[in-house]
PDB file of N, CA and C in Angstrom:
ATOM      1  N   MET A   1       0.481  35.570   8.190  1.00  0.00           N
ATOM      2  CA  MET A   1       0.914  34.192   8.036  1.00  0.00           C
ATOM      3  C   MET A   1       0.951  33.839   6.557  1.00  0.00           C
ATOM      4  N   GLY A   2       1.988  33.139   6.147  1.00  0.00           N
ATOM      5  CA  GLY A   2       2.129  32.740   4.751  1.00  0.00           C
ATOM      6  C   GLY A   2       1.192  31.605   4.382  1.00  0.00           C
ATOM      7  N   ALA A   3       1.112  31.351   3.115  1.00  0.00           N
ATOM      8  CA  ALA A   3       0.253  30.286   2.615  1.00  0.00           C
ATOM      9  C   ALA A   3       0.932  28.930   2.765  1.00  0.00           C
ATOM     10  N   THR A   4       0.140  27.899   2.903  1.00  0.00           N
ATOM     11  CA  THR A   4       0.620  26.519   2.889  1.00  0.00           C
ATOM     12  C   THR A   4      -0.235  25.770   1.879  1.00  0.00           C
ATOM     13  N   LEU A   5       0.178  24.579   1.553  1.00  0.00           N
ATOM     14  CA  LEU A   5      -0.567  23.787   0.583  1.00  0.00           C
ATOM     15  C   LEU A   5      -0.787  22.390   1.131  1.00  0.00           C
ATOM     16  N   ARG A   6      -2.004  21.924   1.044  1.00  0.00           N
ATOM     17  CA  ARG A   6      -2.354  20.546   1.346  1.00  0.00           C
ATOM     18  C   ARG A   6      -3.146  20.047   0.151  1.00  0.00           C
ATOM     19  N   ILE A   7      -2.830  18.870  -0.314  1.00  0.00           N
ATOM     20  CA  ILE A   7      -3.603  18.326  -1.415  1.00  0.00           C
ATOM     21  C   ILE A   7      -4.446  17.170  -0.899  1.00  0.00           C
ATOM     22  N   GLU A   8      -5.504  16.856  -1.615  1.00  0.00           N
ATOM     23  CA  GLU A   8      -6.364  15.718  -1.303  1.00  0.00           C
ATOM     24  C   GLU A   8      -6.329  14.769  -2.494  1.00  0.00           C
ATOM     25  N   ILE A   9      -6.133  13.495  -2.207  1.00  0.00           N
ATOM     26  CA  ILE A   9      -6.207  12.472  -3.241  1.00  0.00           C
ATOM     27  C   ILE A   9      -7.310  11.494  -2.855  1.00  0.00           C
ATOM     28  N   PHE A  10      -7.680  10.627  -3.784  1.00  0.00           N
ATOM     29  CA  PHE A  10      -8.846   9.779  -3.585  1.00  0.00           C
ATOM     30  C   PHE A  10      -8.520   8.318  -3.887  1.00  0.00           C
ATOM     31  N   PRO A  11      -7.761   7.667  -3.005  1.00  0.00           N
ATOM     32  CA  PRO A  11      -7.390   6.264  -3.231  1.00  0.00           C
ATOM     33  C   PRO A  11      -8.570   5.331  -2.952  1.00  0.00           C
ATOM     34  N   CYS A  12      -8.495   4.135  -3.547  1.00  0.00           N
ATOM     35  CA  CYS A  12      -9.552   3.156  -3.298  1.00  0.00           C
ATOM     36  C   CYS A  12      -9.278   2.353  -2.029  1.00  0.00           C
ATOM     37  N   ASP A  13      -8.041   2.368  -1.536  1.00  0.00           N
ATOM     38  CA  ASP A  13      -7.668   1.618  -0.333  1.00  0.00           C
ATOM     39  C   ASP A  13      -6.782   2.513   0.533  1.00  0.00           C
ATOM     40  N   ILE A  14      -7.347   3.054   1.590  1.00  0.00           N
ATOM     41  CA  ILE A  14      -6.625   3.983   2.463  1.00  0.00           C
ATOM     42  C   ILE A  14      -5.390   3.328   3.073  1.00  0.00           C
ATOM     43  N   ASP A  15      -5.521   2.102   3.556  1.00  0.00           N
ATOM     44  CA  ASP A  15      -4.383   1.442   4.216  1.00  0.00           C
ATOM     45  C   ASP A  15      -3.213   1.262   3.256  1.00  0.00           C
ATOM     46  N   ARG A  16      -3.491   0.858   2.037  1.00  0.00           N
ATOM     47  CA  ARG A  16      -2.440   0.677   1.033  1.00  0.00           C
ATOM     48  C   ARG A  16      -1.786   2.016   0.697  1.00  0.00           C
ATOM     49  N   ALA A  17      -2.586   3.069   0.571  1.00  0.00           N
ATOM     50  CA  ALA A  17      -2.046   4.396   0.268  1.00  0.00           C
ATOM     51  C   ALA A  17      -1.170   4.913   1.413  1.00  0.00           C
ATOM     52  N   VAL A  18      -1.626   4.746   2.649  1.00  0.00           N
ATOM     53  CA  VAL A  18      -0.838   5.196   3.804  1.00  0.00           C
ATOM     54  C   VAL A  18       0.502   4.458   3.840  1.00  0.00           C
ATOM     55  N   ALA A  19       0.499   3.153   3.581  1.00  0.00           N
ATOM     56  CA  ALA A  19       1.741   2.377   3.574  1.00  0.00           C
ATOM     57  C   ALA A  19       2.689   2.873   2.485  1.00  0.00           C
ATOM     58  N   PHE A  20       2.153   3.179   1.297  1.00  0.00           N
ATOM     59  CA  PHE A  20       2.988   3.682   0.209  1.00  0.00           C
ATOM     60  C   PHE A  20       3.639   5.009   0.596  1.00  0.00           C
ATOM     61  N   TYR A  21       2.844   5.941   1.093  1.00  0.00           N
ATOM     62  CA  TYR A  21       3.389   7.253   1.433  1.00  0.00           C
ATOM     63  C   TYR A  21       4.342   7.172   2.630  1.00  0.00           C
ATOM     64  N   ALA A  22       4.145   6.212   3.532  1.00  0.00           N
ATOM     65  CA  ALA A  22       5.106   5.983   4.620  1.00  0.00           C
ATOM     66  C   ALA A  22       6.458   5.581   4.039  1.00  0.00           C
ATOM     67  N   ALA A  23       6.455   4.783   2.965  1.00  0.00           N
ATOM     68  CA  ALA A  23       7.707   4.393   2.306  1.00  0.00           C
ATOM     69  C   ALA A  23       8.396   5.597   1.673  1.00  0.00           C
ATOM     70  N   LEU A  24       7.640   6.649   1.389  1.00  0.00           N
ATOM     71  CA  LEU A  24       8.221   7.887   0.859  1.00  0.00           C
ATOM     72  C   LEU A  24       8.629   8.851   1.976  1.00  0.00           C
ATOM     73  N   GLY A  25       8.498   8.409   3.213  1.00  0.00           N
ATOM     74  CA  GLY A  25       8.941   9.235   4.333  1.00  0.00           C
ATOM     75  C   GLY A  25       7.854  10.050   5.014  1.00  0.00           C
ATOM     76  N   PHE A  26       6.589   9.818   4.667  1.00  0.00           N
ATOM     77  CA  PHE A  26       5.480  10.537   5.291  1.00  0.00           C
ATOM     78  C   PHE A  26       5.049   9.821   6.567  1.00  0.00           C
ATOM     79  N   GLU A  27       4.527  10.583   7.523  1.00  0.00           N
ATOM     80  CA  GLU A  27       3.990   9.991   8.744  1.00  0.00           C
ATOM     81  C   GLU A  27       2.484  10.222   8.800  1.00  0.00           C
ATOM     82  N   LEU A  28       1.778   9.258   9.333  1.00  0.00           N
ATOM     83  CA  LEU A  28       0.328   9.363   9.509  1.00  0.00           C
ATOM     84  C   LEU A  28       0.049  10.358  10.627  1.00  0.00           C
ATOM     85  N   VAL A  29      -0.764  11.384  10.351  1.00  0.00           N
ATOM     86  CA  VAL A  29      -1.066  12.396  11.363  1.00  0.00           C
ATOM     87  C   VAL A  29      -2.552  12.513  11.653  1.00  0.00           C
ATOM     88  N   GLY A  30      -3.382  11.814  10.891  1.00  0.00           N
ATOM     89  CA  GLY A  30      -4.817  11.845  11.139  1.00  0.00           C
ATOM     90  C   GLY A  30      -5.513  10.688  10.454  1.00  0.00           C
ATOM     91  N   ARG A  31      -6.593  10.227  11.079  1.00  0.00           N
ATOM     92  CA  ARG A  31      -7.322   9.099  10.501  1.00  0.00           C
ATOM     93  C   ARG A  31      -8.762   9.145  10.993  1.00  0.00           C
ATOM     94  N   LYS A  32      -9.691   8.842  10.096  1.00  0.00           N
ATOM     95  CA  LYS A  32     -11.116   8.745  10.435  1.00  0.00           C
ATOM     96  C   LYS A  32     -11.653   7.527   9.707  1.00  0.00           C
ATOM     97  N   GLU A  33     -12.353   6.673  10.409  1.00  0.00           N
ATOM     98  CA  GLU A  33     -12.857   5.440   9.793  1.00  0.00           C
ATOM     99  C   GLU A  33     -14.089   5.664   8.928  1.00  0.00           C
ATOM    100  N   GLY A  34     -14.710   6.832   9.004  1.00  0.00           N
ATOM    101  CA  GLY A  34     -15.769   7.192   8.061  1.00  0.00           C
ATOM    102  C   GLY A  34     -17.111   6.596   8.375  1.00  0.00           C
ATOM    103  N   PRO A  35     -17.962   6.536   7.401  1.00  0.00           N
ATOM    104  CA  PRO A  35     -17.654   6.749   5.982  1.00  0.00           C
ATOM    105  C   PRO A  35     -17.677   8.222   5.607  1.00  0.00           C
ATOM    106  N   PRO A  36     -16.900   8.584   4.625  1.00  0.00           N
ATOM    107  CA  PRO A  36     -15.856   7.797   3.973  1.00  0.00           C
ATOM    108  C   PRO A  36     -14.618   7.739   4.865  1.00  0.00           C
ATOM    109  N   ARG A  37     -13.796   6.727   4.646  1.00  0.00           N
ATOM    110  CA  ARG A  37     -12.537   6.619   5.376  1.00  0.00           C
ATOM    111  C   ARG A  37     -11.619   7.761   4.935  1.00  0.00           C
ATOM    112  N   TYR A  38     -10.842   8.269   5.885  1.00  0.00           N
ATOM    113  CA  TYR A  38      -9.968   9.407   5.616  1.00  0.00           C
ATOM    114  C   TYR A  38      -8.651   9.198   6.360  1.00  0.00           C
ATOM    115  N   ALA A  39      -7.562   9.644   5.763  1.00  0.00           N
ATOM    116  CA  ALA A  39      -6.262   9.671   6.432  1.00  0.00           C
ATOM    117  C   ALA A  39      -5.514  10.907   5.973  1.00  0.00           C
ATOM    118  N   SER A  40      -4.615  11.368   6.808  1.00  0.00           N
ATOM    119  CA  SER A  40      -3.771  12.506   6.475  1.00  0.00           C
ATOM    120  C   SER A  40      -2.342  12.130   6.817  1.00  0.00           C
ATOM    121  N   VAL A  41      -1.424  12.413   5.876  1.00  0.00           N
ATOM    122  CA  VAL A  41      -0.005  12.150   6.093  1.00  0.00           C
ATOM    123  C   VAL A  41       0.763  13.451   5.922  1.00  0.00           C
ATOM    124  N   ARG A  42       1.929  13.505   6.584  1.00  0.00           N
ATOM    125  CA  ARG A  42       2.731  14.724   6.519  1.00  0.00           C
ATOM    126  C   ARG A  42       4.201  14.354   6.473  1.00  0.00           C
ATOM    127  N   ARG A  43       4.916  15.163   5.734  1.00  0.00           N
ATOM    128  CA  ARG A  43       6.375  15.102   5.721  1.00  0.00           C
ATOM    129  C   ARG A  43       6.854  16.539   5.668  1.00  0.00           C
ATOM    130  N   ASP A  44       7.480  16.976   6.720  1.00  0.00           N
ATOM    131  CA  ASP A  44       7.887  18.370   6.848  1.00  0.00           C
ATOM    132  C   ASP A  44       6.666  19.259   6.621  1.00  0.00           C
ATOM    133  N   GLU A  45       6.700  20.130   5.624  1.00  0.00           N
ATOM    134  CA  GLU A  45       5.573  21.031   5.371  1.00  0.00           C
ATOM    135  C   GLU A  45       4.633  20.519   4.269  1.00  0.00           C
ATOM    136  N   VAL A  46       4.851  19.303   3.813  1.00  0.00           N
ATOM    137  CA  VAL A  46       3.999  18.707   2.775  1.00  0.00           C
ATOM    138  C   VAL A  46       2.929  17.871   3.464  1.00  0.00           C
ATOM    139  N   ARG A  47       1.677  18.129   3.138  1.00  0.00           N
ATOM    140  CA  ARG A  47       0.572  17.384   3.751  1.00  0.00           C
ATOM    141  C   ARG A  47      -0.344  16.865   2.646  1.00  0.00           C
ATOM    142  N   ILE A  48      -0.697  15.594   2.754  1.00  0.00           N
ATOM    143  CA  ILE A  48      -1.592  14.964   1.781  1.00  0.00           C
ATOM    144  C   ILE A  48      -2.750  14.333   2.530  1.00  0.00           C
ATOM    145  N   GLY A  49      -3.957  14.742   2.176  1.00  0.00           N
ATOM    146  CA  GLY A  49      -5.160  14.135   2.721  1.00  0.00           C
ATOM    147  C   GLY A  49      -5.646  13.072   1.751  1.00  0.00           C
ATOM    148  N   MET A  50      -6.282  12.042   2.283  1.00  0.00           N
ATOM    149  CA  MET A  50      -6.760  10.925   1.461  1.00  0.00           C
ATOM    150  C   MET A  50      -8.192  10.597   1.843  1.00  0.00           C
ATOM    151  N   VAL A  51      -9.081  10.626   0.869  1.00  0.00           N
ATOM    152  CA  VAL A  51     -10.471  10.247   1.067  1.00  0.00           C
ATOM    153  C   VAL A  51     -10.714   8.991   0.237  1.00  0.00           C
ATOM    154  N   GLN A  52     -11.094   7.905   0.915  1.00  0.00           N
ATOM    155  CA  GLN A  52     -11.320   6.657   0.179  1.00  0.00           C
ATOM    156  C   GLN A  52     -12.514   6.818  -0.744  1.00  0.00           C
ATOM    157  N   SER A  53     -12.334   6.366  -1.980  1.00  0.00           N
ATOM    158  CA  SER A  53     -13.407   6.464  -2.963  1.00  0.00           C
ATOM    159  C   SER A  53     -13.337   5.260  -3.889  1.00  0.00           C
ATOM    160  N   PRO A  54     -14.368   5.057  -4.697  1.00  0.00           N
ATOM    161  CA  PRO A  54     -14.345   3.917  -5.631  1.00  0.00           C
ATOM    162  C   PRO A  54     -13.148   3.996  -6.569  1.00  0.00           C
ATOM    163  N   ARG A  55     -12.727   2.874  -7.030  1.00  0.00           N
ATOM    164  CA  ARG A  55     -11.567   2.783  -7.928  1.00  0.00           C
ATOM    165  C   ARG A  55     -11.825   3.538  -9.228  1.00  0.00           C
ATOM    166  N   HIS A  56     -10.834   4.280  -9.649  1.00  0.00           N
ATOM    167  CA  HIS A  56     -10.849   4.986 -10.931  1.00  0.00           C
ATOM    168  C   HIS A  56      -9.662   4.484 -11.739  1.00  0.00           C
ATOM    169  N   PRO A  57      -9.781   4.436 -13.030  1.00  0.00           N
ATOM    170  CA  PRO A  57      -8.639   3.982 -13.840  1.00  0.00           C
ATOM    171  C   PRO A  57      -7.391   4.822 -13.586  1.00  0.00           C
ATOM    172  N   SER A  58      -6.264   4.145 -13.378  1.00  0.00           N
ATOM    173  CA  SER A  58      -5.002   4.843 -13.097  1.00  0.00           C
ATOM    174  C   SER A  58      -4.634   5.833 -14.179  1.00  0.00           C
ATOM    175  N   GLU A  59      -4.955   5.502 -15.441  1.00  0.00           N
ATOM    176  CA  GLU A  59      -4.571   6.411 -16.531  1.00  0.00           C
ATOM    177  C   GLU A  59      -5.279   7.759 -16.432  1.00  0.00           C
ATOM    178  N   GLN A  60      -6.389   7.833 -15.700  1.00  0.00           N
ATOM    179  CA  GLN A  60      -7.062   9.123 -15.515  1.00  0.00           C
ATOM    180  C   GLN A  60      -6.334   9.999 -14.508  1.00  0.00           C
ATOM    181  N   ARG A  61      -5.410   9.412 -13.759  1.00  0.00           N
ATOM    182  CA  ARG A  61      -4.686  10.165 -12.739  1.00  0.00           C
ATOM    183  C   ARG A  61      -3.266  10.490 -13.151  1.00  0.00           C
ATOM    184  N   ALA A  62      -2.809   9.931 -14.232  1.00  0.00           N
ATOM    185  CA  ALA A  62      -1.418  10.095 -14.648  1.00  0.00           C
ATOM    186  C   ALA A  62      -1.259  11.296 -15.571  1.00  0.00           C
ATOM    187  N   VAL A  63      -0.069  11.820 -15.612  1.00  0.00           N
ATOM    188  CA  VAL A  63       0.282  12.915 -16.514  1.00  0.00           C
ATOM    189  C   VAL A  63       0.193  12.395 -17.947  1.00  0.00           C
ATOM    190  N   PRO A  64      -0.335  13.110 -18.906  1.00  0.00           N
ATOM    191  CA  PRO A  64      -0.570  14.547 -18.921  1.00  0.00           C
ATOM    192  C   PRO A  64      -2.002  14.965 -18.606  1.00  0.00           C
ATOM    193  N   ILE A  65      -2.924  14.030 -18.298  1.00  0.00           N
ATOM    194  CA  ILE A  65      -4.291  14.474 -18.010  1.00  0.00           C
ATOM    195  C   ILE A  65      -4.577  14.556 -16.524  1.00  0.00           C
ATOM    196  N   GLY A  66      -3.736  13.949 -15.717  1.00  0.00           N
ATOM    197  CA  GLY A  66      -3.927  13.972 -14.272  1.00  0.00           C
ATOM    198  C   GLY A  66      -3.088  15.060 -13.645  1.00  0.00           C
ATOM    199  N   THR A  67      -2.656  14.796 -12.431  1.00  0.00           N
ATOM    200  CA  THR A  67      -1.869  15.751 -11.665  1.00  0.00           C
ATOM    201  C   THR A  67      -0.489  15.180 -11.392  1.00  0.00           C
ATOM    202  N   GLU A  68       0.517  16.012 -11.464  1.00  0.00           N
ATOM    203  CA  GLU A  68       1.859  15.622 -11.060  1.00  0.00           C
ATOM    204  C   GLU A  68       2.125  16.256  -9.701  1.00  0.00           C
ATOM    205  N   ILE A  69       2.421  15.423  -8.719  1.00  0.00           N
ATOM    206  CA  ILE A  69       2.746  15.896  -7.379  1.00  0.00           C
ATOM    207  C   ILE A  69       4.265  15.995  -7.303  1.00  0.00           C
ATOM    208  N   VAL A  70       4.787  17.191  -7.054  1.00  0.00           N
ATOM    209  CA  VAL A  70       6.228  17.419  -7.053  1.00  0.00           C
ATOM    210  C   VAL A  70       6.681  17.670  -5.617  1.00  0.00           C
ATOM    211  N   ILE A  71       7.658  16.881  -5.187  1.00  0.00           N
ATOM    212  CA  ILE A  71       8.199  17.011  -3.841  1.00  0.00           C
ATOM    213  C   ILE A  71       9.684  17.339  -3.973  1.00  0.00           C
ATOM    214  N   ALA A  72      10.092  18.501  -3.465  1.00  0.00           N
ATOM    215  CA  ALA A  72      11.491  18.932  -3.532  1.00  0.00           C
ATOM    216  C   ALA A  72      12.200  18.523  -2.247  1.00  0.00           C
ATOM    217  N   VAL A  73      13.369  17.920  -2.404  1.00  0.00           N
ATOM    218  CA  VAL A  73      14.151  17.437  -1.261  1.00  0.00           C
ATOM    219  C   VAL A  73      15.578  17.979  -1.353  1.00  0.00           C
ATOM    220  N   ASP A  74      16.296  17.907  -0.246  1.00  0.00           N
ATOM    221  CA  ASP A  74      17.669  18.428  -0.217  1.00  0.00           C
ATOM    222  C   ASP A  74      18.655  17.524  -0.952  1.00  0.00           C
ATOM    223  N   ASP A  75      18.479  16.209  -0.858  1.00  0.00           N
ATOM    224  CA  ASP A  75      19.421  15.261  -1.458  1.00  0.00           C
ATOM    225  C   ASP A  75      18.639  14.213  -2.246  1.00  0.00           C
ATOM    226  N   VAL A  76      18.393  14.481  -3.517  1.00  0.00           N
ATOM    227  CA  VAL A  76      17.530  13.611  -4.325  1.00  0.00           C
ATOM    228  C   VAL A  76      18.153  12.231  -4.525  1.00  0.00           C
ATOM    229  N   ARG A  77      19.463  12.149  -4.577  1.00  0.00           N
ATOM    230  CA  ARG A  77      20.106  10.838  -4.763  1.00  0.00           C
ATOM    231  C   ARG A  77      19.933   9.963  -3.517  1.00  0.00           C
ATOM    232  N   ALA A  78      20.126  10.521  -2.352  1.00  0.00           N
ATOM    233  CA  ALA A  78      19.906   9.771  -1.112  1.00  0.00           C
ATOM    234  C   ALA A  78      18.435   9.407  -0.962  1.00  0.00           C
ATOM    235  N   GLU A  79      17.571  10.303  -1.376  1.00  0.00           N
ATOM    236  CA  GLU A  79      16.132  10.047  -1.322  1.00  0.00           C
ATOM    237  C   GLU A  79      15.762   8.876  -2.224  1.00  0.00           C
ATOM    238  N   ARG A  80      16.299   8.868  -3.418  1.00  0.00           N
ATOM    239  CA  ARG A  80      16.047   7.769  -4.354  1.00  0.00           C
ATOM    240  C   ARG A  80      16.509   6.447  -3.762  1.00  0.00           C
ATOM    241  N   ASP A  81      17.692   6.427  -3.178  1.00  0.00           N
ATOM    242  CA  ASP A  81      18.211   5.198  -2.585  1.00  0.00           C
ATOM    243  C   ASP A  81      17.324   4.723  -1.439  1.00  0.00           C
ATOM    244  N   ARG A  82      16.844   5.639  -0.618  1.00  0.00           N
ATOM    245  CA  ARG A  82      15.980   5.294   0.507  1.00  0.00           C
ATOM    246  C   ARG A  82      14.646   4.740   0.030  1.00  0.00           C
ATOM    247  N   VAL A  83      14.074   5.361  -0.997  1.00  0.00           N
ATOM    248  CA  VAL A  83      12.783   4.933  -1.542  1.00  0.00           C
ATOM    249  C   VAL A  83      12.896   3.542  -2.165  1.00  0.00           C
ATOM    250  N   VAL A  84      13.949   3.300  -2.928  1.00  0.00           N
ATOM    251  CA  VAL A  84      14.159   1.976  -3.539  1.00  0.00           C
ATOM    252  C   VAL A  84      14.365   0.925  -2.451  1.00  0.00           C
ATOM    253  N   ALA A  85      15.134   1.258  -1.402  1.00  0.00           N
ATOM    254  CA  ALA A  85      15.358   0.322  -0.297  1.00  0.00           C
ATOM    255  C   ALA A  85      14.060  -0.016   0.428  1.00  0.00           C
ATOM    256  N   ALA A  86      13.098   0.916   0.392  1.00  0.00           N
ATOM    257  CA  ALA A  86      11.793   0.681   1.016  1.00  0.00           C
ATOM    258  C   ALA A  86      10.873  -0.157   0.127  1.00  0.00           C
ATOM    259  N   GLY A  87      11.358  -0.505  -1.065  1.00  0.00           N
ATOM    260  CA  GLY A  87      10.584  -1.380  -1.936  1.00  0.00           C
ATOM    261  C   GLY A  87       9.676  -0.690  -2.935  1.00  0.00           C
ATOM    262  N   VAL A  88       9.824   0.609  -3.095  1.00  0.00           N
ATOM    263  CA  VAL A  88       9.007   1.352  -4.055  1.00  0.00           C
ATOM    264  C   VAL A  88       9.596   1.187  -5.448  1.00  0.00           C
ATOM    265  N   GLU A  89       8.752   0.820  -6.400  1.00  0.00           N
ATOM    266  CA  GLU A  89       9.196   0.678  -7.790  1.00  0.00           C
ATOM    267  C   GLU A  89       9.223   2.049  -8.458  1.00  0.00           C
ATOM    268  N   LEU A  90      10.318   2.352  -9.114  1.00  0.00           N
ATOM    269  CA  LEU A  90      10.449   3.637  -9.801  1.00  0.00           C
ATOM    270  C   LEU A  90       9.759   3.587 -11.154  1.00  0.00           C
ATOM    271  N   ALA A  91       9.061   4.663 -11.500  1.00  0.00           N
ATOM    272  CA  ALA A  91       8.522   4.813 -12.851  1.00  0.00           C
ATOM    273  C   ALA A  91       9.625   5.304 -13.775  1.00  0.00           C
ATOM    274  N   GLU A  92      10.529   6.103 -13.208  1.00  0.00           N
ATOM    275  CA  GLU A  92      11.685   6.603 -13.948  1.00  0.00           C
ATOM    276  C   GLU A  92      12.789   6.889 -12.940  1.00  0.00           C
ATOM    277  N   ASP A  93      13.980   6.379 -13.210  1.00  0.00           N
ATOM    278  CA  ASP A  93      15.102   6.544 -12.297  1.00  0.00           C
ATOM    279  C   ASP A  93      15.664   7.963 -12.384  1.00  0.00           C
ATOM    280  N   LEU A  94      16.645   8.247 -11.561  1.00  0.00           N
ATOM    281  CA  LEU A  94      17.283   9.561 -11.541  1.00  0.00           C
ATOM    282  C   LEU A  94      17.656  10.019 -12.942  1.00  0.00           C
ATOM    283  N   ARG A  95      17.357  11.272 -13.200  1.00  0.00           N
ATOM    284  CA  ARG A  95      17.670  11.844 -14.512  1.00  0.00           C
ATOM    285  C   ARG A  95      17.933  13.329 -14.357  1.00  0.00           C
ATOM    286  N   ASP A  96      19.004  13.795 -14.979  1.00  0.00           N
ATOM    287  CA  ASP A  96      19.299  15.223 -15.016  1.00  0.00           C
ATOM    288  C   ASP A  96      18.418  15.847 -16.089  1.00  0.00           C
ATOM    289  N   ARG A  97      17.665  16.861 -15.705  1.00  0.00           N
ATOM    290  CA  ARG A  97      16.723  17.503 -16.628  1.00  0.00           C
ATOM    291  C   ARG A  97      17.332  18.731 -17.280  1.00  0.00           C
ATOM    292  N   GLU A  98      16.814  19.055 -18.447  1.00  0.00           N
ATOM    293  CA  GLU A  98      17.332  20.206 -19.196  1.00  0.00           C
ATOM    294  C   GLU A  98      17.119  21.522 -18.459  1.00  0.00           C
ATOM    295  N   TRP A  99      16.208  21.567 -17.509  1.00  0.00           N
ATOM    296  CA  TRP A  99      15.950  22.797 -16.760  1.00  0.00           C
ATOM    297  C   TRP A  99      16.843  22.906 -15.519  1.00  0.00           C
ATOM    298  N   GLY A 100      17.823  21.976 -15.386  1.00  0.00           N
ATOM    299  CA  GLY A 100      18.835  22.111 -14.356  1.00  0.00           C
ATOM    300  C   GLY A 100      18.590  21.344 -13.068  1.00  0.00           C
ATOM    301  N   LEU A 101      17.536  20.554 -12.989  1.00  0.00           N
ATOM    302  CA  LEU A 101      17.262  19.773 -11.793  1.00  0.00           C
ATOM    303  C   LEU A 101      17.432  18.294 -12.082  1.00  0.00           C
ATOM    304  N   THR A 102      17.591  17.512 -11.028  1.00  0.00           N
ATOM    305  CA  THR A 102      17.645  16.058 -11.126  1.00  0.00           C
ATOM    306  C   THR A 102      16.438  15.516 -10.383  1.00  0.00           C
ATOM    307  N   ASP A 103      15.793  14.506 -10.969  1.00  0.00           N
ATOM    308  CA  ASP A 103      14.623  13.942 -10.306  1.00  0.00           C
ATOM    309  C   ASP A 103      14.465  12.460 -10.618  1.00  0.00           C
ATOM    310  N   PHE A 104      13.546  11.830  -9.885  1.00  0.00           N
ATOM    311  CA  PHE A 104      13.053  10.499 -10.218  1.00  0.00           C
ATOM    312  C   PHE A 104      11.549  10.532 -10.041  1.00  0.00           C
ATOM    313  N   ARG A 105      10.873   9.529 -10.605  1.00  0.00           N
ATOM    314  CA  ARG A 105       9.413   9.553 -10.610  1.00  0.00           C
ATOM    315  C   ARG A 105       8.852   8.208 -10.189  1.00  0.00           C
ATOM    316  N   VAL A 106       7.704   8.247  -9.518  1.00  0.00           N
ATOM    317  CA  VAL A 106       6.995   7.040  -9.076  1.00  0.00           C
ATOM    318  C   VAL A 106       5.501   7.241  -9.275  1.00  0.00           C
ATOM    319  N   HIS A 107       4.776   6.133  -9.322  1.00  0.00           N
ATOM    320  CA  HIS A 107       3.317   6.158  -9.292  1.00  0.00           C
ATOM    321  C   HIS A 107       2.873   5.554  -7.974  1.00  0.00           C
ATOM    322  N   ASP A 108       1.890   6.161  -7.334  1.00  0.00           N
ATOM    323  CA  ASP A 108       1.370   5.536  -6.128  1.00  0.00           C
ATOM    324  C   ASP A 108       0.428   4.397  -6.522  1.00  0.00           C
ATOM    325  N   PRO A 109      -0.073   3.610  -5.582  1.00  0.00           N
ATOM    326  CA  PRO A 109      -0.893   2.447  -5.931  1.00  0.00           C
ATOM    327  C   PRO A 109      -2.154   2.770  -6.730  1.00  0.00           C
ATOM    328  N   ASP A 110      -2.622   4.009  -6.664  1.00  0.00           N
ATOM    329  CA  ASP A 110      -3.820   4.401  -7.404  1.00  0.00           C
ATOM    330  C   ASP A 110      -3.510   5.175  -8.677  1.00  0.00           C
ATOM    331  N   GLY A 111      -2.236   5.239  -9.044  1.00  0.00           N
ATOM    332  CA  GLY A 111      -1.859   5.869 -10.294  1.00  0.00           C
ATOM    333  C   GLY A 111      -1.473   7.331 -10.207  1.00  0.00           C
ATOM    334  N   TYR A 112      -1.511   7.928  -9.012  1.00  0.00           N
ATOM    335  CA  TYR A 112      -1.049   9.315  -8.895  1.00  0.00           C
ATOM    336  C   TYR A 112       0.445   9.363  -9.191  1.00  0.00           C
ATOM    337  N   TYR A 113       0.857  10.380  -9.906  1.00  0.00           N
ATOM    338  CA  TYR A 113       2.218  10.512 -10.420  1.00  0.00           C
ATOM    339  C   TYR A 113       2.991  11.471  -9.532  1.00  0.00           C
ATOM    340  N   LEU A 114       4.117  11.031  -9.001  1.00  0.00           N
ATOM    341  CA  LEU A 114       4.933  11.865  -8.126  1.00  0.00           C
ATOM    342  C   LEU A 114       6.327  12.024  -8.711  1.00  0.00           C
ATOM    343  N   ARG A 115       6.818  13.254  -8.692  1.00  0.00           N
ATOM    344  CA  ARG A 115       8.181  13.561  -9.107  1.00  0.00           C
ATOM    345  C   ARG A 115       8.914  14.044  -7.868  1.00  0.00           C
ATOM    346  N   VAL A 116      10.000  13.371  -7.536  1.00  0.00           N
ATOM    347  CA  VAL A 116      10.836  13.786  -6.413  1.00  0.00           C
ATOM    348  C   VAL A 116      12.078  14.418  -7.021  1.00  0.00           C
ATOM    349  N   THR A 117      12.323  15.677  -6.654  1.00  0.00           N
ATOM    350  CA  THR A 117      13.343  16.480  -7.320  1.00  0.00           C
ATOM    351  C   THR A 117      14.234  17.179  -6.306  1.00  0.00           C
ATOM    352  N   ASP A 118      15.413  17.560  -6.752  1.00  0.00           N
ATOM    353  CA  ASP A 118      16.266  18.355  -5.883  1.00  0.00           C
ATOM    354  C   ASP A 118      15.802  19.811  -5.917  1.00  0.00           C
ATOM    355  N   ARG A 119      16.341  20.584  -5.001  1.00  0.00           N
ATOM    356  CA  ARG A 119      15.995  22.022  -4.953  1.00  0.00           C
ATOM    357  C   ARG A 119      16.963  22.782  -5.850  1.00  0.00           C
ATOM    358  N   ARG A 120      16.527  23.915  -6.328  1.00  0.00           N
ATOM    359  CA  ARG A 120      17.412  24.778  -7.104  1.00  0.00           C
ATOM    360  C   ARG A 120      18.484  25.338  -6.227  1.00  0.00           C
TER     361      ARG A 120
END
C-alpha cells in the first residue's frame, strides 16, 4: 500500500476552523468533543486533523517560519471562483508563477497559510 498524508493543525476554535475548511470544499468526517476538542476534514485524498488549543499568534504560523499547506486541484481558476463565492478572503489572487504553475493563497482563521495550485 502506498503512503498517504494527513496533517494536524491546532486552531483555537474548532467550529470556526471546520466552517472555513468547508468553504474550501472539505467535508467533516470525524469529531470528538474532548477535551481536547478534535475534528477531521477530508477532501478527496487530503485529510486535515484539528486539535483545539490555546490561541497562538498568527504570524508564528505563516510563511516563512510556519507551514505552507499546498493543495493541488484540476482547475485552479474554477476553484478560486468557488472559494471567493463562499466568502473566503484571498491573501493573494491568481498568479502565474515562474515555475510554471498558477495558484492563489489564503490564510485560515488561525493564520495557517494555504496555497491552492493547479497540477503540472
